[in-house]
C-alpha atoms as a PDB file:
ATOM      1  CA  MET A   1      -0.092 -25.644  12.856  1.00  0.00           C
ATOM      2  CA  THR A   2      -0.280 -25.371   9.021  1.00  0.00           C
ATOM      3  CA  THR A   3      -2.807 -23.384   7.188  1.00  0.00           C
ATOM      4  CA  GLN A   4      -4.770 -25.469   4.617  1.00  0.00           C
ATOM      5  CA  ARG A   5      -4.896 -23.976   1.139  1.00  0.00           C
ATOM      6  CA  PRO A   6      -8.523 -23.261   0.033  1.00  0.00           C
ATOM      7  CA  PRO A   7      -9.832 -25.102  -2.995  1.00  0.00           C
ATOM      8  CA  ALA A   8      -9.054 -23.452  -6.292  1.00  0.00           C
ATOM      9  CA  GLY A   9     -12.761 -22.806  -6.880  1.00  0.00           C
ATOM     10  CA  ASN A  10     -12.920 -20.652  -3.723  1.00  0.00           C
ATOM     11  CA  VAL A  11      -9.981 -18.574  -4.993  1.00  0.00           C
ATOM     12  CA  ALA A  12     -11.684 -17.999  -8.342  1.00  0.00           C
ATOM     13  CA  PHE A  13     -14.977 -17.142  -6.619  1.00  0.00           C
ATOM     14  CA  ILE A  14     -13.288 -14.654  -4.255  1.00  0.00           C
ATOM     15  CA  ARG A  15     -11.133 -13.217  -6.981  1.00  0.00           C
ATOM     16  CA  ALA A  16     -14.304 -12.509  -9.029  1.00  0.00           C
ATOM     17  CA  ARG A  17     -15.989 -10.912  -5.942  1.00  0.00           C
ATOM     18  CA  LEU A  18     -12.947  -8.647  -5.465  1.00  0.00           C
ATOM     19  CA  ALA A  19     -13.560  -7.313  -8.954  1.00  0.00           C
ATOM     20  CA  GLU A  20     -17.204  -6.419  -8.382  1.00  0.00           C
ATOM     21  CA  THR A  21     -18.379  -2.898  -8.293  1.00  0.00           C
ATOM     22  CA  ASP A  22     -20.578  -3.183  -5.188  1.00  0.00           C
ATOM     23  CA  GLU A  23     -18.445  -2.120  -2.249  1.00  0.00           C
ATOM     24  CA  ASP A  24     -20.255  -4.342   0.163  1.00  0.00           C
ATOM     25  CA  VAL A  25     -19.490  -7.353  -2.074  1.00  0.00           C
ATOM     26  CA  VAL A  26     -15.873  -6.381  -2.323  1.00  0.00           C
ATOM     27  CA  ALA A  27     -15.528  -5.722   1.400  1.00  0.00           C
ATOM     28  CA  ALA A  28     -17.077  -9.211   2.201  1.00  0.00           C
ATOM     29  CA  ALA A  29     -14.681 -10.845  -0.212  1.00  0.00           C
ATOM     30  CA  CYS A  30     -11.720  -9.183   1.447  1.00  0.00           C
ATOM     31  CA  ALA A  31     -12.931 -10.519   4.844  1.00  0.00           C
ATOM     32  CA  ARG A  32     -13.462 -14.004   3.499  1.00  0.00           C
ATOM     33  CA  ALA A  33     -10.088 -14.046   1.817  1.00  0.00           C
ATOM     34  CA  ALA A  34      -8.473 -13.034   5.098  1.00  0.00           C
ATOM     35  CA  THR A  35     -10.488 -15.632   7.074  1.00  0.00           C
ATOM     36  CA  LEU A  36      -9.277 -18.337   4.702  1.00  0.00           C
ATOM     37  CA  VAL A  37      -5.806 -16.918   4.429  1.00  0.00           C
ATOM     38  CA  MET A  38      -6.085 -16.855   0.645  1.00  0.00           C
ATOM     39  CA  ARG A  39      -2.565 -15.709  -0.296  1.00  0.00           C
ATOM     40  CA  ASP A  40      -3.457 -16.196  -4.016  1.00  0.00           C
ATOM     41  CA  VAL A  41      -5.562 -12.986  -3.947  1.00  0.00           C
ATOM     42  CA  HIS A  42      -2.989 -10.953  -1.876  1.00  0.00           C
ATOM     43  CA  ASP A  43      -2.069  -8.728  -4.814  1.00  0.00           C
ATOM     44  CA  GLU A  44      -5.661  -7.964  -5.697  1.00  0.00           C
ATOM     45  CA  ILE A  45      -6.325  -7.019  -2.101  1.00  0.00           C
ATOM     46  CA  LEU A  46      -3.185  -4.939  -1.936  1.00  0.00           C
ATOM     47  CA  ALA A  47      -4.387  -3.047  -4.946  1.00  0.00           C
ATOM     48  CA  LEU A  48      -7.740  -2.450  -3.233  1.00  0.00           C
ATOM     49  CA  THR A  49      -5.965  -0.294  -0.547  1.00  0.00           C
ATOM     50  CA  ARG A  50      -5.906   2.306  -3.316  1.00  0.00           C
ATOM     51  CA  ALA A  51      -9.591   2.153  -4.113  1.00  0.00           C
ATOM     52  CA  GLU A  52     -11.708   5.343  -3.924  1.00  0.00           C
ATOM     53  CA  SER A  53     -14.136   3.779  -1.482  1.00  0.00           C
ATOM     54  CA  GLN A  54     -13.156   4.156   2.152  1.00  0.00           C
ATOM     55  CA  LYS A  55     -15.084   0.983   2.973  1.00  0.00           C
ATOM     56  CA  ILE A  56     -13.150  -1.082   0.452  1.00  0.00           C
ATOM     57  CA  ARG A  57      -9.679   0.473   1.555  1.00  0.00           C
ATOM     58  CA  LEU A  58     -10.557  -0.462   5.189  1.00  0.00           C
ATOM     59  CA  ALA A  59     -11.609  -3.966   4.264  1.00  0.00           C
ATOM     60  CA  ALA A  60      -8.471  -4.454   2.290  1.00  0.00           C
ATOM     61  CA  LEU A  61      -6.169  -3.128   5.064  1.00  0.00           C
ATOM     62  CA  ARG A  62      -7.879  -5.524   7.499  1.00  0.00           C
ATOM     63  CA  ALA A  63      -7.380  -8.419   5.114  1.00  0.00           C
ATOM     64  CA  LEU A  64      -3.692  -7.526   4.806  1.00  0.00           C
ATOM     65  CA  ARG A  65      -3.310  -8.256   8.510  1.00  0.00           C
ATOM     66  CA  ARG A  66      -3.753 -12.032   7.737  1.00  0.00           C
ATOM     67  CA  LEU A  67      -2.225 -11.890   4.244  1.00  0.00           C
ATOM     68  CA  TRP A  68       0.815  -9.683   5.025  1.00  0.00           C
ATOM     69  CA  VAL A  69       4.090  -9.980   3.085  1.00  0.00           C
ATOM     70  CA  ASP A  70       7.007  -7.727   3.881  1.00  0.00           C
ATOM     71  CA  ALA A  71       6.725  -6.041   0.579  1.00  0.00           C
ATOM     72  CA  ASP A  72       3.377  -4.500   1.792  1.00  0.00           C
ATOM     73  CA  PHE A  73       5.205  -2.202   4.183  1.00  0.00           C
ATOM     74  CA  GLU A  74       5.734   0.745   1.835  1.00  0.00           C
ATOM     75  CA  SER A  75       2.091   0.842   0.689  1.00  0.00           C
ATOM     76  CA  VAL A  76       0.614   0.575   4.188  1.00  0.00           C
ATOM     77  CA  TYR A  77       3.109   3.010   5.569  1.00  0.00           C
ATOM     78  CA  GLY A  78       2.189   5.473   2.870  1.00  0.00           C
ATOM     79  CA  LEU A  79      -1.498   5.091   3.761  1.00  0.00           C
ATOM     80  CA  HIS A  80      -0.717   5.569   7.457  1.00  0.00           C
ATOM     81  CA  ARG A  81       1.188   8.748   6.631  1.00  0.00           C
ATOM     82  CA  ASN A  82      -0.779  10.317   3.819  1.00  0.00           C
ATOM     83  CA  ASP A  83      -4.321   8.936   3.358  1.00  0.00           C
ATOM     84  CA  PRO A  84      -6.819  11.806   3.521  1.00  0.00           C
ATOM     85  CA  ASP A  85      -9.186   9.622   5.602  1.00  0.00           C
ATOM     86  CA  GLU A  86      -8.393   9.474   9.368  1.00  0.00           C
ATOM     87  CA  ALA A  87      -9.961   5.942   9.715  1.00  0.00           C
ATOM     88  CA  ILE A  88      -7.676   4.664   6.960  1.00  0.00           C
ATOM     89  CA  ARG A  89      -4.599   6.258   8.565  1.00  0.00           C
ATOM     90  CA  ASP A  90      -5.604   4.754  11.900  1.00  0.00           C
ATOM     91  CA  GLU A  91      -6.234   1.201  10.511  1.00  0.00           C
ATOM     92  CA  ALA A  92      -2.963   1.306   8.574  1.00  0.00           C
ATOM     93  CA  GLY A  93      -1.127   2.158  11.745  1.00  0.00           C
ATOM     94  CA  TRP A  94      -2.743  -0.846  13.567  1.00  0.00           C
ATOM     95  CA  VAL A  95      -1.611  -3.148  10.731  1.00  0.00           C
ATOM     96  CA  LEU A  96       1.874  -1.729  10.856  1.00  0.00           C
ATOM     97  CA  ARG A  97       2.052  -2.216  14.602  1.00  0.00           C
ATOM     98  CA  GLU A  98       1.038  -5.850  14.266  1.00  0.00           C
ATOM     99  CA  THR A  99       3.412  -6.525  11.387  1.00  0.00           C
ATOM    100  CA  ALA A 100       6.510  -4.644  12.575  1.00  0.00           C
ATOM    101  CA  SER A 101       9.518  -6.705  11.850  1.00  0.00           C
ATOM    102  CA  PRO A 102      13.331  -6.436  12.355  1.00  0.00           C
ATOM    103  CA  ARG A 103      13.425  -4.808   8.877  1.00  0.00           C
ATOM    104  CA  THR A 104      10.609  -2.254   9.450  1.00  0.00           C
ATOM    105  CA  TRP A 105      10.450  -1.430  13.132  1.00  0.00           C
ATOM    106  CA  SER A 106      12.956   1.389  13.158  1.00  0.00           C
ATOM    107  CA  ARG A 107      11.087   3.566  10.651  1.00  0.00           C
ATOM    108  CA  LEU A 108       7.947   3.065  12.744  1.00  0.00           C
ATOM    109  CA  PHE A 109       9.801   3.901  15.877  1.00  0.00           C
ATOM    110  CA  ASP A 110      11.249   7.082  14.431  1.00  0.00           C
ATOM    111  CA  LEU A 111       7.813   8.141  13.225  1.00  0.00           C
ATOM    112  CA  TRP A 112       5.868   7.143  16.353  1.00  0.00           C
ATOM    113  CA  CYS A 113       8.197   8.286  19.121  1.00  0.00           C
ATOM    114  CA  ARG A 114       7.445  11.931  18.366  1.00  0.00           C
ATOM    115  CA  ASP A 115       3.800  11.542  17.293  1.00  0.00           C
ATOM    116  CA  ALA A 116       1.201  13.755  18.839  1.00  0.00           C
ATOM    117  CA  HIS A 117      -1.005  10.729  19.444  1.00  0.00           C
ATOM    118  CA  PRO A 118      -0.090   9.079  22.808  1.00  0.00           C
ATOM    119  CA  ARG A 119      -1.040   5.618  21.380  1.00  0.00           C
ATOM    120  CA  HIS A 120       1.621   5.933  18.809  1.00  0.00           C
ATOM    121  CA  ARG A 121       4.236   6.822  21.440  1.00  0.00           C
ATOM    122  CA  VAL A 122       3.140   3.737  23.342  1.00  0.00           C
ATOM    123  CA  TRP A 123       3.635   1.680  20.127  1.00  0.00           C
ATOM    124  CA  ALA A 124       7.073   3.191  19.707  1.00  0.00           C
ATOM    125  CA  CYS A 125       8.029   1.917  23.138  1.00  0.00           C
ATOM    126  CA  GLU A 126       6.523  -1.468  22.499  1.00  0.00           C
ATOM    127  CA  ILE A 127       8.231  -2.086  19.237  1.00  0.00           C
ATOM    128  CA  ALA A 128      11.616  -0.735  20.547  1.00  0.00           C
ATOM    129  CA  HIS A 129      11.281  -3.186  23.444  1.00  0.00           C
ATOM    130  CA  ARG A 130      10.664  -6.040  21.016  1.00  0.00           C
ATOM    131  CA  HIS A 131      13.166  -5.131  18.175  1.00  0.00           C
ATOM    132  CA  GLY A 132      15.367  -2.340  19.418  1.00  0.00           C
ATOM    133  CA  SER A 133      18.692  -2.026  21.141  1.00  0.00           C
ATOM    134  CA  ALA A 134      20.427   0.227  23.643  1.00  0.00           C
ATOM    135  CA  ASP A 135      20.736   2.735  20.786  1.00  0.00           C
ATOM    136  CA  GLU A 136      17.117   3.779  21.496  1.00  0.00           C
ATOM    137  CA  LEU A 137      17.805   4.472  25.256  1.00  0.00           C
ATOM    138  CA  PRO A 138      18.024   8.294  24.780  1.00  0.00           C
ATOM    139  CA  THR A 139      14.596   8.414  23.185  1.00  0.00           C
ATOM    140  CA  LEU A 140      13.120   5.948  25.526  1.00  0.00           C
ATOM    141  CA  ARG A 141      14.461   7.810  28.553  1.00  0.00           C
ATOM    142  CA  ARG A 142      12.723  10.891  27.171  1.00  0.00           C
ATOM    143  CA  LEU A 143       9.468   8.941  26.879  1.00  0.00           C
ATOM    144  CA  LEU A 144       9.822   8.171  30.657  1.00  0.00           C
ATOM    145  CA  ASP A 145       8.879  11.808  31.169  1.00  0.00           C
ATOM    146  CA  ASP A 146       6.058  11.933  28.589  1.00  0.00           C
ATOM    147  CA  ARG A 147       2.971  13.872  29.566  1.00  0.00           C
ATOM    148  CA  ASP A 148       0.819  10.780  29.131  1.00  0.00           C
ATOM    149  CA  GLY A 149       0.979   8.041  31.813  1.00  0.00           C
ATOM    150  CA  LEU A 150       0.450   5.226  29.419  1.00  0.00           C
ATOM    151  CA  VAL A 151       3.429   6.290  27.378  1.00  0.00           C
ATOM    152  CA  ARG A 152       5.551   6.557  30.545  1.00  0.00           C
ATOM    153  CA  ALA A 153       4.415   3.057  31.621  1.00  0.00           C
ATOM    154  CA  ALA A 154       5.236   1.592  28.202  1.00  0.00           C
ATOM    155  CA  ALA A 155       8.690   3.147  28.248  1.00  0.00           C
ATOM    156  CA  VAL A 156       9.650   1.491  31.604  1.00  0.00           C
ATOM    157  CA  PRO A 157      10.098  -2.120  30.348  1.00  0.00           C
ATOM    158  CA  ALA A 158      12.026  -1.002  27.347  1.00  0.00           C
ATOM    159  CA  VAL A 159      14.347   1.121  29.302  1.00  0.00           C
ATOM    160  CA  ARG A 160      14.891  -1.620  31.819  1.00  0.00           C
ATOM    161  CA  ARG A 161      15.514  -4.176  29.125  1.00  0.00           C
ATOM    162  CA  PHE A 162      18.356  -2.104  27.493  1.00  0.00           C
ATOM    163  CA  GLU A 163      19.783  -0.958  30.859  1.00  0.00           C
ATOM    164  CA  GLY A 164      20.081  -4.607  31.883  1.00  0.00           C
ATOM    165  CA  ARG A 165      17.774  -4.299  34.835  1.00  0.00           C
END
């Protein structure tokens, strides 16, 4: 299925809304650009991930899920690691999980397999299962003994895959 390109007028309209000062208008424009998969405004939306407003940063991150390009990784990874707002760090993590690729997954695995948050350790198991190799078995075996049951359950299929079971 191919995505239709929105009419040029829509792009200009959304681009103008992304430059507004009202955070509700900007957030709505981000959401609309994502819905229409307006790749023409990708760079503006990526820039909005550095806005002062938490509402705008969240809206921009959510839009990037649909407008993602591999070059976004470093910016979103930085937000996940360093943004002062927990909601931004959390949303950036969700975006990274959904967009993990053969090029980026290992950095996420290395970060998440030792994270204090069980959800991140589950994600580490999931992306290792999808993108990893037997090289990750020592870490995955350690996660089989994790204190969290969901982490242990997520580690099982990855370990089985790389052990050939």
